[in-house]
Amino acid sequence: MPSGAEWFIVLLIVLLVFGGSQLPKMARNLGRAQHELKKGFAEANKEADASESDDKS
């Protein structure tokens, strides 16, 4: 796992490649994607639980 100094270097490279104005957009999109992924997992678990309860009946 990278240490603090390594994370700083990675962050610096990301800033140079993408520029400061693009980072908030990227972070927002990443947050939205994470939210959709969690929502999808929750729906899949709900459907799996429903099908398990139907199989037991």
N, C-alpha and C. Protein backbone atom coordinates (compact mmCIF):
# COMPACT_ATOMS: atom_id res chain seq x y z
N MET A 1 0.84 -1.17 0.00
CA MET A 1 0.00 0.00 0.00
C MET A 1 0.89 1.24 0.00
N PRO A 2 0.56 2.21 -0.83
CA PRO A 2 1.39 3.42 -0.90
C PRO A 2 1.39 4.21 0.41
N SER A 3 2.53 4.81 0.70
CA SER A 3 2.63 5.64 1.90
C SER A 3 2.19 7.07 1.58
N GLY A 4 2.29 7.96 2.55
CA GLY A 4 1.84 9.34 2.37
C GLY A 4 2.57 10.07 1.26
N ALA A 5 3.89 9.90 1.19
CA ALA A 5 4.67 10.58 0.16
C ALA A 5 4.32 10.08 -1.24
N GLU A 6 4.06 8.79 -1.34
CA GLU A 6 3.70 8.22 -2.65
C GLU A 6 2.35 8.73 -3.10
N TRP A 7 1.40 8.87 -2.18
CA TRP A 7 0.09 9.42 -2.53
C TRP A 7 0.22 10.86 -3.00
N PHE A 8 1.10 11.61 -2.36
CA PHE A 8 1.33 13.00 -2.75
C PHE A 8 1.85 13.08 -4.17
N ILE A 9 2.77 12.20 -4.52
CA ILE A 9 3.32 12.17 -5.88
C ILE A 9 2.24 11.80 -6.89
N VAL A 10 1.42 10.82 -6.56
CA VAL A 10 0.32 10.41 -7.45
C VAL A 10 -0.65 11.57 -7.64
N LEU A 11 -0.99 12.27 -6.57
CA LEU A 11 -1.90 13.41 -6.67
C LEU A 11 -1.31 14.51 -7.53
N LEU A 12 -0.04 14.76 -7.38
CA LEU A 12 0.63 15.77 -8.19
C LEU A 12 0.60 15.40 -9.68
N ILE A 13 0.83 14.16 -10.00
CA ILE A 13 0.79 13.71 -11.39
C ILE A 13 -0.63 13.84 -11.95
N VAL A 14 -1.63 13.47 -11.16
CA VAL A 14 -3.02 13.60 -11.60
C VAL A 14 -3.36 15.06 -11.87
N LEU A 15 -2.91 15.96 -11.01
CA LEU A 15 -3.15 17.39 -11.23
C LEU A 15 -2.50 17.86 -12.51
N LEU A 16 -1.29 17.40 -12.78
CA LEU A 16 -0.61 17.82 -14.00
C LEU A 16 -1.29 17.27 -15.25
N VAL A 17 -1.76 16.05 -15.18
CA VAL A 17 -2.38 15.42 -16.36
C VAL A 17 -3.76 15.99 -16.64
N PHE A 18 -4.59 16.08 -15.63
CA PHE A 18 -5.98 16.47 -15.84
C PHE A 18 -6.25 17.94 -15.60
N GLY A 19 -5.43 18.60 -14.86
CA GLY A 19 -5.67 20.01 -14.55
C GLY A 19 -6.61 20.16 -13.38
N GLY A 20 -6.48 21.26 -12.68
CA GLY A 20 -7.27 21.49 -11.48
C GLY A 20 -8.75 21.64 -11.73
N SER A 21 -9.13 22.16 -12.89
CA SER A 21 -10.55 22.39 -13.15
C SER A 21 -11.32 21.10 -13.43
N GLN A 22 -10.64 20.05 -13.85
CA GLN A 22 -11.31 18.79 -14.17
C GLN A 22 -11.50 17.89 -12.96
N LEU A 23 -10.72 18.11 -11.90
CA LEU A 23 -10.80 17.21 -10.75
C LEU A 23 -12.16 17.23 -10.05
N PRO A 24 -12.80 18.38 -9.83
CA PRO A 24 -14.12 18.34 -9.20
C PRO A 24 -15.15 17.58 -10.05
N LYS A 25 -15.07 17.72 -11.35
CA LYS A 25 -15.99 17.00 -12.24
C LYS A 25 -15.76 15.50 -12.13
N MET A 26 -14.49 15.12 -12.12
CA MET A 26 -14.16 13.70 -12.02
C MET A 26 -14.62 13.13 -10.68
N ALA A 27 -14.41 13.88 -9.60
CA ALA A 27 -14.82 13.42 -8.27
C ALA A 27 -16.33 13.29 -8.19
N ARG A 28 -17.05 14.23 -8.77
CA ARG A 28 -18.51 14.18 -8.77
C ARG A 28 -19.00 12.96 -9.54
N ASN A 29 -18.42 12.72 -10.70
CA ASN A 29 -18.82 11.56 -11.51
C ASN A 29 -18.48 10.25 -10.80
N LEU A 30 -17.35 10.22 -10.12
CA LEU A 30 -16.97 9.03 -9.37
C LEU A 30 -17.95 8.78 -8.23
N GLY A 31 -18.36 9.83 -7.55
CA GLY A 31 -19.35 9.70 -6.48
C GLY A 31 -20.68 9.20 -7.00
N ARG A 32 -21.10 9.73 -8.12
CA ARG A 32 -22.37 9.27 -8.72
C ARG A 32 -22.29 7.81 -9.12
N ALA A 33 -21.16 7.41 -9.71
CA ALA A 33 -20.98 6.02 -10.12
C ALA A 33 -20.99 5.09 -8.91
N GLN A 34 -20.35 5.53 -7.83
CA GLN A 34 -20.33 4.72 -6.61
C GLN A 34 -21.74 4.58 -6.04
N HIS A 35 -22.50 5.66 -6.07
CA HIS A 35 -23.88 5.63 -5.58
C HIS A 35 -24.72 4.66 -6.41
N GLU A 36 -24.58 4.72 -7.72
CA GLU A 36 -25.34 3.82 -8.60
C GLU A 36 -24.93 2.37 -8.38
N LEU A 37 -23.65 2.12 -8.14
CA LEU A 37 -23.18 0.77 -7.89
C LEU A 37 -23.78 0.22 -6.60
N LYS A 38 -23.76 1.01 -5.54
CA LYS A 38 -24.36 0.58 -4.28
C LYS A 38 -25.85 0.33 -4.43
N LYS A 39 -26.51 1.20 -5.19
CA LYS A 39 -27.95 1.05 -5.44
C LYS A 39 -28.22 -0.25 -6.19
N GLY A 40 -27.39 -0.56 -7.18
CA GLY A 40 -27.54 -1.80 -7.94
C GLY A 40 -27.34 -3.03 -7.07
N PHE A 41 -26.32 -2.98 -6.19
CA PHE A 41 -26.09 -4.11 -5.29
C PHE A 41 -27.27 -4.29 -4.34
N ALA A 42 -27.83 -3.20 -3.84
CA ALA A 42 -28.96 -3.29 -2.94
C ALA A 42 -30.17 -3.90 -3.65
N GLU A 43 -30.42 -3.48 -4.89
CA GLU A 43 -31.54 -4.04 -5.65
C GLU A 43 -31.33 -5.52 -5.93
N ALA A 44 -30.09 -5.90 -6.26
CA ALA A 44 -29.80 -7.31 -6.54
C ALA A 44 -29.99 -8.15 -5.29
N ASN A 45 -29.55 -7.63 -4.14
CA ASN A 45 -29.74 -8.37 -2.89
C ASN A 45 -31.22 -8.50 -2.56
N LYS A 46 -31.98 -7.45 -2.82
CA LYS A 46 -33.43 -7.48 -2.54
C LYS A 46 -34.10 -8.53 -3.43
N GLU A 47 -33.71 -8.58 -4.71
CA GLU A 47 -34.29 -9.55 -5.62
C GLU A 47 -33.88 -10.97 -5.23
N ALA A 48 -32.63 -11.14 -4.81
CA ALA A 48 -32.17 -12.46 -4.40
C ALA A 48 -32.91 -12.92 -3.15
N ASP A 49 -33.12 -12.03 -2.20
CA ASP A 49 -33.87 -12.38 -1.00
C ASP A 49 -35.31 -12.73 -1.34
N ALA A 50 -35.89 -11.99 -2.28
CA ALA A 50 -37.27 -12.26 -2.68
C ALA A 50 -37.37 -13.62 -3.37
N SER A 51 -36.41 -13.95 -4.22
CA SER A 51 -36.46 -15.24 -4.91
C SER A 51 -36.20 -16.38 -3.95
N GLU A 52 -35.37 -16.18 -2.92
CA GLU A 52 -35.13 -17.21 -1.93
C GLU A 52 -36.38 -17.48 -1.12
N SER A 53 -37.11 -16.41 -0.76
CA SER A 53 -38.34 -16.58 0.01
C SER A 53 -39.42 -17.25 -0.84
N ASP A 54 -39.42 -17.01 -2.15
CA ASP A 54 -40.38 -17.66 -3.05
C ASP A 54 -40.05 -19.14 -3.20
N ASP A 55 -38.75 -19.48 -3.23
CA ASP A 55 -38.35 -20.86 -3.35
C ASP A 55 -38.70 -21.67 -2.12
N LYS A 56 -38.67 -21.05 -0.95
CA LYS A 56 -38.98 -21.74 0.31
C LYS A 56 -40.46 -22.03 0.44
N SER A 57 -41.30 -21.26 -0.24
CA SER A 57 -42.75 -21.45 -0.11
C SER A 57 -43.24 -22.62 -0.90
